[in-house]
Amino acid sequence: MIDSVELLRDLIRFDTTNPPGNEETCVAFVEALLHEHDIESERYEKVPGRPNLIARHAGSNGGPPLVLYGHVDVVTTAGQRWARPPFAAELHDGFVWGRGALDMKSGVAMCIAAFVAAHASGSPTPLLLVILSDEENGGDVGARFLAEERPEVFSGAKHALGEFGGATQWIAGKPFYPIQVAEKQMCWMRAHVRGTGGHGALGVKGGAMRKLGDILRTLDRKQPPVHITPIVRDWFGQMADALPRPQAIMLRRLLDPKTADLAARALGPRGRQLSRVIRNTVSPTIVHGGDKINVIPSEIELQLDGRILPGQTPNDLIRELHDLVGDEVEFEVLRHDPGPPDPDLSFYEPLAQIIRELDPGSVPVPMLQAGVTDARFLSRAGVQTYGYLPLKLPEDFEPFPLIHNADERVPAAALAFGVEAITQAIARYPA
């Protein structure tokens, strides 16, 4: 059997920072590991040196395969101060430290361990193990390439287990396990801010710089209006049903556009997280303006990371932004990745029941992801992803602030729980 903790440490030691990715050596390591267990695999590459790896377990029940997938690329560590080296994979104080410990080499390690165990035991469930490149930089040579140009590799699969969901979230002493069933849509944008230019020595009033400051201040204080999707209504409602009355009241107020922002503030950091799934959102990320220190620019470019709710469009977001910052700003869509269609929840309840059995007293809930994952691409090949890479986390450990941040780490003991949950999912997947 594969030790998922040691496998995670091996994976972290490959610096797969994307860009540029350099996933080849990490994928080759997984390829060799599978071969050691008499499992053959195939590479699929859109760009040389950026492979995706697929291994198959035939099974015997005649049904479509269940897909287990994850990406091995990670985000940068540049400019971050780490207490422990980000690619040393140190095991310290019960934690595995390193870039990718949470996002998402721990999930990859758990999927590989469960896949190998199922293959060794002769599981009747057909399986596909898919190891992907490039998720952190758009997925164009990873999941998008496979789904759009090689959809046959999924062999008619209907369901997949991947990121991001299944880790314990504690609220008022109650353990919840959000299972991702849908996600927002990527909508990267460029705003053109124009105004009077001039000589730096003479100055101007109300120019592009001032307008940019007004826009940034507005977006720091306000976001577009609230829209409650069916998934979020179910998610918040099921959490409220399991919580004491004060917290339950606040969660239900999040579902009312008139009280949502007050409730989010009252819930503190958790409320700020939840407020991102009840509206379209934008975050200013890049500014370009001016070429010379003594010339006041007449145009400034502001790039925005927009995320749109299911059922909404880029035009809806642009309209809402104009309502916030005025009509003088010109918005341009740089990239829009439509999200998955209405989710197929047919395998949700078996996954939820596994959590209830493995952690009695816990509450699994359906979740809308505030970001995006490779699930949006697999949906184009007809595959519904469940964000289900369970980690049983202690109440004093909050993972989300560590994702894409310094000192990313995961409790080593949490991985065995995830391997068992995935193993149970494989066993219960219907023919």
Protein backbone atom coordinates (compact mmCIF):
# COMPACT_ATOMS: atom_id res chain seq x y z
CA MET A 1 0.00 0.00 0.00
CA ILE A 2 1.07 3.58 -0.62
CA ASP A 3 1.80 5.86 2.33
CA SER A 4 -0.11 9.02 1.34
CA VAL A 5 1.92 11.24 3.69
CA GLU A 6 5.26 10.15 2.25
CA LEU A 7 3.86 10.42 -1.27
CA LEU A 8 2.72 13.97 -0.54
CA ARG A 9 6.22 14.84 0.67
CA ASP A 10 7.71 13.37 -2.51
CA LEU A 11 5.33 15.43 -4.67
CA ILE A 12 6.03 18.69 -2.83
CA ARG A 13 9.76 18.32 -3.44
CA PHE A 14 9.17 18.83 -7.17
CA ASP A 15 9.12 22.59 -7.78
CA THR A 16 6.19 22.82 -10.17
CA THR A 17 5.61 26.56 -9.81
CA ASN A 18 3.35 27.73 -12.62
CA PRO A 19 4.39 29.61 -14.65
CA PRO A 20 6.33 27.88 -16.09
CA GLY A 21 5.04 24.66 -14.50
CA ASN A 22 7.88 22.21 -15.12
CA GLU A 23 5.46 19.40 -14.34
CA GLU A 24 7.27 16.77 -16.42
CA THR A 25 9.56 15.38 -13.70
CA CYS A 26 6.72 15.23 -11.19
CA VAL A 27 4.44 13.46 -13.66
CA ALA A 28 7.27 11.06 -14.55
CA PHE A 29 7.61 10.23 -10.85
CA VAL A 30 3.90 9.37 -10.64
CA GLU A 31 4.19 7.37 -13.86
CA ALA A 32 7.05 5.30 -12.41
CA LEU A 33 5.22 4.80 -9.12
CA LEU A 34 2.16 3.44 -10.92
CA HIS A 35 4.39 1.15 -13.00
CA GLU A 36 5.85 -0.28 -9.78
CA HIS A 37 2.31 -1.35 -8.91
CA ASP A 38 1.73 -2.93 -12.35
CA ILE A 39 -0.40 -0.03 -13.55
CA GLU A 40 0.26 1.32 -17.03
CA SER A 41 -0.51 4.92 -17.93
CA GLU A 42 -0.52 7.21 -20.95
CA ARG A 43 0.72 10.76 -21.44
CA TYR A 44 -1.24 13.39 -23.30
CA GLU A 45 0.58 16.62 -24.17
CA LYS A 46 -0.54 19.78 -25.90
CA VAL A 47 2.81 21.40 -25.14
CA PRO A 48 6.03 19.35 -24.89
CA GLY A 49 7.16 19.06 -21.29
CA ARG A 50 3.68 19.78 -19.89
CA PRO A 51 2.20 16.26 -19.76
CA ASN A 52 -1.11 15.02 -18.45
CA LEU A 53 -1.16 11.42 -17.26
CA ILE A 54 -4.08 8.97 -17.40
CA ALA A 55 -4.19 5.53 -15.80
CA ARG A 56 -7.12 3.15 -16.11
CA HIS A 57 -8.57 0.41 -13.94
CA ALA A 58 -11.00 -1.66 -16.00
CA GLY A 59 -13.28 -2.89 -13.22
CA SER A 60 -15.92 -5.51 -13.89
CA ASN A 61 -19.33 -3.96 -13.21
CA GLY A 62 -19.89 -2.70 -16.75
CA GLY A 63 -20.58 0.87 -15.72
CA PRO A 64 -18.86 4.11 -16.68
CA PRO A 65 -15.61 4.91 -14.84
CA LEU A 66 -15.36 7.15 -11.82
CA VAL A 67 -12.68 9.79 -12.40
CA LEU A 68 -10.16 10.72 -9.70
CA TYR A 69 -8.18 13.78 -10.72
CA GLY A 70 -5.92 16.56 -9.57
CA HIS A 71 -3.22 18.95 -10.72
CA VAL A 72 0.44 18.90 -9.74
CA ASP A 73 1.36 22.49 -10.60
CA VAL A 74 1.45 25.08 -7.81
CA VAL A 75 1.46 28.86 -7.46
CA THR A 76 4.52 30.97 -6.83
CA THR A 77 6.23 31.49 -3.48
CA ALA A 78 7.91 34.71 -4.65
CA GLY A 79 7.83 37.54 -2.11
CA GLN A 80 6.59 35.26 0.68
CA ARG A 81 8.41 34.64 3.95
CA TRP A 82 8.19 31.00 4.91
CA ALA A 83 9.06 29.60 8.32
CA ARG A 84 10.16 26.39 6.57
CA PRO A 85 11.46 25.94 3.00
CA PRO A 86 8.48 25.67 0.64
CA PHE A 87 9.84 22.72 -1.36
CA ALA A 88 11.56 20.77 1.42
CA ALA A 89 8.34 18.97 2.49
CA GLU A 90 9.36 18.96 6.13
CA LEU A 91 7.28 16.94 8.58
CA HIS A 92 7.18 19.13 11.69
CA ASP A 93 4.80 19.24 14.67
CA GLY A 94 2.46 16.86 12.90
CA PHE A 95 2.20 18.95 9.73
CA VAL A 96 3.56 18.46 6.24
CA TRP A 97 4.88 21.87 5.18
CA GLY A 98 5.28 23.10 1.65
CA ARG A 99 3.79 24.66 -1.43
CA GLY A 100 0.96 22.43 -2.60
CA ALA A 101 0.36 20.80 0.78
CA LEU A 102 -3.25 21.96 0.54
CA ASP A 103 -3.58 23.04 -3.10
CA MET A 104 -3.49 20.34 -4.20
CA LYS A 105 -0.73 17.78 -3.90
CA SER A 106 -2.36 16.31 -0.79
CA GLY A 107 -5.45 15.61 -2.89
CA VAL A 108 -3.33 14.09 -5.66
CA ALA A 109 -1.57 11.87 -3.11
CA MET A 110 -4.88 10.68 -1.69
CA CYS A 111 -6.31 9.94 -5.15
CA ILE A 112 -3.22 7.96 -6.17
CA ALA A 113 -3.24 5.97 -2.92
CA ALA A 114 -6.95 5.13 -3.25
CA PHE A 115 -6.59 4.26 -6.96
CA VAL A 116 -3.65 1.92 -6.39
CA ALA A 117 -5.45 0.21 -3.49
CA ALA A 118 -8.60 -0.26 -5.59
CA HIS A 119 -6.56 -1.70 -8.45
CA ALA A 120 -4.69 -4.07 -6.15
CA SER A 121 -7.92 -5.34 -4.58
CA GLY A 122 -9.61 -5.89 -7.95
CA SER A 123 -12.36 -3.33 -7.34
CA PRO A 124 -15.34 -3.89 -9.66
CA THR A 125 -15.64 -0.12 -10.17
CA PRO A 126 -13.97 1.14 -13.36
CA LEU A 127 -11.66 4.06 -12.59
CA LEU A 128 -9.68 6.76 -14.34
CA LEU A 129 -6.80 8.47 -12.55
CA VAL A 130 -6.04 11.79 -14.23
CA ILE A 131 -2.95 13.80 -13.23
CA LEU A 132 -3.09 17.29 -14.72
CA SER A 133 -0.75 20.15 -15.53
CA ASP A 134 -1.44 23.88 -15.70
CA GLU A 135 -4.50 24.35 -13.47
CA GLU A 136 -2.97 27.34 -11.71
CA ASN A 137 -2.46 29.28 -14.93
CA GLY A 138 -5.76 28.68 -16.68
CA GLY A 139 -5.65 24.97 -17.49
CA ASP A 140 -5.25 25.50 -21.23
CA VAL A 141 -2.64 22.75 -21.68
CA GLY A 142 -4.17 20.58 -18.97
CA ALA A 143 -7.85 19.91 -18.35
CA ARG A 144 -9.06 22.23 -21.10
CA PHE A 145 -6.90 20.46 -23.68
CA LEU A 146 -8.19 17.04 -22.65
CA ALA A 147 -11.85 18.04 -22.41
CA GLU A 148 -12.00 19.97 -25.68
CA GLU A 149 -9.48 18.16 -27.88
CA ARG A 150 -9.33 14.64 -26.42
CA PRO A 151 -12.70 14.09 -24.70
CA GLU A 152 -12.60 10.38 -25.61
CA VAL A 153 -9.98 9.83 -22.90
CA PHE A 154 -12.74 10.14 -20.29
CA SER A 155 -14.36 6.97 -21.67
CA GLY A 156 -17.94 8.12 -21.12
CA ALA A 157 -17.41 9.02 -17.47
CA LYS A 158 -20.24 10.89 -15.74
CA HIS A 159 -18.77 11.74 -12.34
CA ALA A 160 -15.40 12.76 -10.90
CA LEU A 161 -13.83 13.42 -7.53
CA GLY A 162 -11.46 16.37 -7.50
CA GLU A 163 -10.91 19.74 -5.91
CA PHE A 164 -12.04 21.67 -3.98
CA GLY A 165 -14.04 20.44 -1.03
CA GLY A 166 -14.38 17.93 1.75
CA ALA A 167 -12.15 19.56 4.36
CA THR A 168 -13.59 20.21 7.79
CA GLN A 169 -14.94 23.69 8.47
CA TRP A 170 -15.75 24.40 12.10
CA ILE A 171 -18.58 26.78 13.02
CA ALA A 172 -19.68 27.20 16.65
CA GLY A 173 -17.98 23.94 17.57
CA LYS A 174 -19.76 21.98 14.83
CA PRO A 175 -17.78 20.22 12.07
CA PHE A 176 -19.12 20.78 8.55
CA TYR A 177 -17.79 19.18 5.36
CA PRO A 178 -18.63 21.31 2.30
CA ILE A 179 -18.71 19.20 -0.87
CA GLN A 180 -18.27 21.34 -3.98
CA VAL A 181 -20.99 20.69 -6.55
CA ALA A 182 -20.72 23.92 -8.57
CA GLU A 183 -18.45 26.91 -9.00
CA LYS A 184 -18.44 30.51 -10.12
CA GLN A 185 -17.28 31.52 -13.59
CA MET A 186 -13.94 33.13 -14.36
CA CYS A 187 -14.30 36.58 -15.91
CA TRP A 188 -10.99 38.44 -16.17
CA MET A 189 -11.44 42.04 -17.22
CA ARG A 190 -9.61 45.22 -18.18
CA ALA A 191 -10.90 48.67 -17.27
CA HIS A 192 -9.75 51.75 -19.20
CA VAL A 193 -9.71 54.87 -17.04
CA ARG A 194 -9.23 58.12 -18.98
CA GLY A 195 -8.72 61.73 -17.98
CA THR A 196 -6.75 64.88 -18.69
CA GLY A 197 -2.99 64.37 -18.98
CA GLY A 198 -0.24 66.95 -18.70
CA HIS A 199 3.14 68.00 -17.36
CA GLY A 200 4.07 66.58 -13.98
CA ALA A 201 5.35 69.96 -12.80
CA LEU A 202 2.05 71.68 -13.54
CA GLY A 203 -0.42 69.03 -12.41
CA VAL A 204 -4.04 68.41 -13.31
CA LYS A 205 -7.22 68.11 -11.29
CA GLY A 206 -9.60 65.19 -11.68
CA GLY A 207 -7.35 63.26 -14.08
CA ALA A 208 -7.11 59.54 -14.70
CA MET A 209 -5.10 58.97 -11.52
CA ARG A 210 -7.79 60.58 -9.37
CA LYS A 211 -10.49 58.57 -11.14
CA LEU A 212 -8.51 55.38 -10.57
CA GLY A 213 -8.29 56.18 -6.87
CA ASP A 214 -12.06 56.70 -6.73
CA ILE A 215 -12.66 53.35 -8.46
CA LEU A 216 -10.31 51.45 -6.16
CA ARG A 217 -11.84 53.07 -3.09
CA THR A 218 -15.35 52.19 -4.26
CA LEU A 219 -14.48 48.57 -5.00
CA ASP A 220 -12.78 48.29 -1.60
CA ARG A 221 -16.00 49.36 0.10
CA LYS A 222 -18.70 47.93 -2.15
CA GLN A 223 -19.42 44.91 -4.33
CA PRO A 224 -22.24 44.14 -6.77
CA PRO A 225 -25.70 43.25 -5.44
CA VAL A 226 -26.75 39.97 -3.87
CA HIS A 227 -28.13 37.10 -5.96
CA ILE A 228 -29.05 33.87 -4.16
CA THR A 229 -28.59 30.70 -6.20
CA PRO A 230 -30.42 27.44 -5.32
CA ILE A 231 -27.18 25.73 -4.27
CA VAL A 232 -26.27 28.52 -1.87
CA ARG A 233 -29.79 28.50 -0.42
CA ASP A 234 -29.47 24.77 0.28
CA TRP A 235 -25.91 25.15 1.60
CA PHE A 236 -26.62 27.95 4.07
CA GLY A 237 -29.97 26.44 5.03
CA GLN A 238 -28.47 23.06 5.91
CA MET A 239 -25.75 24.73 7.99
CA ALA A 240 -28.32 26.88 9.77
CA ASP A 241 -30.40 23.80 10.63
CA ALA A 242 -27.39 22.30 12.45
CA LEU A 243 -26.27 25.40 14.36
CA PRO A 244 -27.34 27.16 17.55
CA ARG A 245 -29.96 29.86 17.08
CA PRO A 246 -27.64 32.94 17.02
CA GLN A 247 -25.43 31.58 14.22
CA ALA A 248 -28.43 30.11 12.40
CA ILE A 249 -30.13 33.50 12.34
CA MET A 250 -27.03 35.14 10.85
CA LEU A 251 -26.73 32.50 8.14
CA ARG A 252 -30.36 32.89 7.16
CA ARG A 253 -29.92 36.65 7.04
CA LEU A 254 -27.13 36.11 4.51
CA LEU A 255 -29.85 34.79 2.21
CA ASP A 256 -31.80 38.05 2.37
CA PRO A 257 -30.36 40.80 0.12
CA LYS A 258 -31.57 43.44 2.61
CA THR A 259 -29.57 41.98 5.53
CA ALA A 260 -26.79 40.00 3.82
CA ASP A 261 -23.97 42.53 4.23
CA LEU A 262 -24.75 43.19 7.89
CA ALA A 263 -24.85 39.45 8.55
CA ALA A 264 -21.53 38.91 6.76
CA ARG A 265 -19.87 41.54 8.96
CA ALA A 266 -21.37 39.99 12.08
CA LEU A 267 -19.98 36.57 11.13
CA GLY A 268 -16.44 37.93 10.84
CA PRO A 269 -13.85 36.12 8.66
CA ARG A 270 -16.27 33.26 7.88
CA GLY A 271 -18.87 35.80 6.80
CA ARG A 272 -16.40 37.47 4.44
CA GLN A 273 -15.76 34.10 2.80
CA LEU A 274 -19.45 33.31 2.47
CA SER A 275 -20.26 36.77 1.09
CA ARG A 276 -18.26 35.92 -2.04
CA VAL A 277 -20.77 33.27 -3.14
CA ILE A 278 -23.90 35.42 -2.94
CA ARG A 279 -22.89 37.95 -5.61
CA ASN A 280 -20.74 38.55 -8.64
CA THR A 281 -17.37 39.85 -7.47
CA VAL A 282 -14.28 41.66 -8.75
CA SER A 283 -10.85 42.14 -7.25
CA PRO A 284 -8.44 44.75 -8.69
CA THR A 285 -5.11 43.02 -9.29
CA ILE A 286 -2.92 44.84 -11.86
CA VAL A 287 -2.46 48.52 -12.75
CA HIS A 288 -0.62 49.91 -15.79
CA GLY A 289 -0.31 53.64 -16.29
CA GLY A 290 2.27 56.20 -17.27
CA ASP A 291 5.56 55.84 -19.13
CA LYS A 292 7.58 58.79 -17.82
CA ILE A 293 7.86 60.28 -14.37
CA ASN A 294 7.23 63.87 -15.50
CA VAL A 295 4.20 63.06 -17.69
CA ILE A 296 0.73 62.73 -16.13
CA PRO A 297 -0.96 59.83 -17.96
CA SER A 298 -4.24 60.40 -19.73
CA GLU A 299 -5.15 56.69 -19.65
CA ILE A 300 -4.66 53.99 -17.03
CA GLU A 301 -5.37 50.28 -17.38
CA LEU A 302 -6.79 48.42 -14.41
CA GLN A 303 -7.10 44.63 -14.55
CA LEU A 304 -9.76 42.92 -12.49
CA ASP A 305 -10.29 39.32 -11.45
CA GLY A 306 -14.05 38.89 -11.88
CA ARG A 307 -16.02 35.88 -10.71
CA ILE A 308 -19.60 35.43 -11.89
CA LEU A 309 -22.34 33.37 -10.30
CA PRO A 310 -23.90 30.46 -12.19
CA GLY A 311 -26.59 31.77 -14.50
CA GLN A 312 -25.00 35.23 -14.76
CA THR A 313 -23.05 36.62 -17.73
CA PRO A 314 -20.14 39.03 -18.25
CA ASN A 315 -22.64 41.65 -19.38
CA ASP A 316 -24.43 41.32 -16.05
CA LEU A 317 -21.18 41.97 -14.21
CA ILE A 318 -20.28 44.95 -16.41
CA ARG A 319 -23.72 46.47 -15.84
CA GLU A 320 -23.33 46.06 -12.08
CA LEU A 321 -19.86 47.61 -12.17
CA HIS A 322 -21.14 50.63 -14.07
CA ASP A 323 -23.78 51.03 -11.36
CA LEU A 324 -20.96 51.16 -8.80
CA VAL A 325 -18.28 53.27 -10.51
CA GLY A 326 -20.15 55.19 -13.21
CA ASP A 327 -20.36 55.03 -16.97
CA GLU A 328 -17.07 56.81 -17.80
CA VAL A 329 -15.06 53.62 -17.28
CA GLU A 330 -14.79 51.25 -20.24
CA PHE A 331 -14.73 47.54 -19.35
CA GLU A 332 -13.29 44.86 -21.63
CA VAL A 333 -13.55 41.11 -21.04
CA LEU A 334 -10.14 39.45 -21.32
CA ARG A 335 -11.22 35.89 -20.59
CA HIS A 336 -14.52 34.30 -19.69
CA ASP A 337 -14.66 30.61 -18.84
CA PRO A 338 -18.32 29.58 -18.56
CA GLY A 339 -18.97 27.42 -15.57
CA PRO A 340 -20.54 23.96 -15.47
CA PRO A 341 -24.28 23.69 -16.17
CA ASP A 342 -26.78 22.89 -13.43
CA PRO A 343 -25.08 20.25 -11.29
CA ASP A 344 -25.84 16.56 -11.44
CA LEU A 345 -26.34 15.67 -7.77
CA SER A 346 -27.03 11.97 -8.31
CA PHE A 347 -23.85 10.87 -6.49
CA TYR A 348 -23.92 13.60 -3.85
CA GLU A 349 -25.87 11.74 -1.16
CA PRO A 350 -23.62 8.64 -1.14
CA LEU A 351 -20.62 10.94 -0.70
CA ALA A 352 -22.34 12.80 2.11
CA GLN A 353 -23.26 9.54 3.85
CA ILE A 354 -19.63 8.43 3.80
CA ILE A 355 -18.66 11.59 5.71
CA ARG A 356 -21.43 11.02 8.26
CA GLU A 357 -20.16 7.51 8.89
CA LEU A 358 -16.46 8.38 9.06
CA ASP A 359 -16.99 11.41 11.32
CA PRO A 360 -20.19 10.87 13.34
CA GLY A 361 -21.93 14.09 14.29
CA SER A 362 -20.48 16.01 11.34
CA VAL A 363 -22.64 17.70 8.71
CA PRO A 364 -21.82 17.41 4.99
CA VAL A 365 -23.28 20.25 2.91
CA PRO A 366 -23.34 21.12 -0.82
CA MET A 367 -21.05 24.02 -1.72
CA LEU A 368 -20.67 26.60 -4.47
CA GLN A 369 -16.96 27.31 -5.02
CA ALA A 370 -16.11 31.03 -4.96
CA GLY A 371 -13.23 30.43 -7.36
CA VAL A 372 -12.78 28.11 -10.30
CA THR A 373 -11.25 24.67 -10.75
CA ASP A 374 -10.69 22.26 -13.60
CA ALA A 375 -14.29 21.14 -13.03
CA ARG A 376 -15.44 23.75 -15.55
CA PHE A 377 -13.48 21.98 -18.26
CA LEU A 378 -14.46 18.42 -17.34
CA SER A 379 -18.09 19.48 -17.55
CA ARG A 380 -17.52 20.11 -21.28
CA ALA A 381 -16.72 16.41 -21.61
CA GLY A 382 -19.93 15.53 -19.76
CA VAL A 383 -18.29 14.90 -16.37
CA GLN A 384 -19.75 16.29 -13.14
CA THR A 385 -17.07 17.00 -10.55
CA TYR A 386 -17.65 16.71 -6.83
CA GLY A 387 -15.07 18.64 -4.83
CA TYR A 388 -14.40 15.72 -2.52
CA LEU A 389 -10.88 15.33 -1.17
CA PRO A 390 -11.79 14.99 2.50
CA LEU A 391 -9.45 16.13 5.25
CA LYS A 392 -10.46 15.74 8.88
CA LEU A 393 -9.03 18.93 10.38
CA PRO A 394 -8.77 19.98 14.03
CA GLU A 395 -10.87 22.92 15.19
CA ASP A 396 -7.84 25.14 15.74
CA PHE A 397 -6.57 24.76 12.15
CA GLU A 398 -7.97 27.05 9.46
CA PRO A 399 -6.68 26.04 6.02
CA PHE A 400 -8.06 28.74 3.74
CA PRO A 401 -5.72 31.60 4.77
CA LEU A 402 -2.76 29.30 3.95
CA ILE A 403 -3.79 28.44 0.38
CA HIS A 404 -1.55 30.33 -2.08
CA ASN A 405 0.14 31.86 0.96
CA ALA A 406 3.31 31.41 3.00
CA ASP A 407 3.59 28.47 5.41
CA GLU A 408 1.08 26.31 3.53
CA ARG A 409 0.79 23.05 5.46
CA VAL A 410 -1.59 20.19 6.20
CA PRO A 411 -1.98 17.93 9.24
CA ALA A 412 -0.37 14.64 8.29
CA ALA A 413 -3.03 12.66 10.16
CA ALA A 414 -5.77 14.16 7.98
CA LEU A 415 -4.71 12.33 4.83
CA ALA A 416 -5.66 8.82 6.00
CA PHE A 417 -9.23 10.05 6.50
CA GLY A 418 -9.30 11.31 2.92
CA VAL A 419 -7.92 8.09 1.46
CA GLU A 420 -10.57 6.10 3.31
CA ALA A 421 -13.37 8.44 2.14
CA ILE A 422 -12.27 8.15 -1.49
CA THR A 423 -11.90 4.38 -1.12
CA GLN A 424 -15.46 4.17 0.19
CA ALA A 425 -16.68 6.34 -2.70
CA ILE A 426 -15.07 3.97 -5.18
CA ALA A 427 -16.73 0.99 -3.52
CA ARG A 428 -20.18 2.63 -3.54
CA TYR A 429 -20.08 4.04 -7.05
CA PRO A 430 -23.03 2.48 -8.88
CA ALA A 431 -22.66 0.30 -11.97
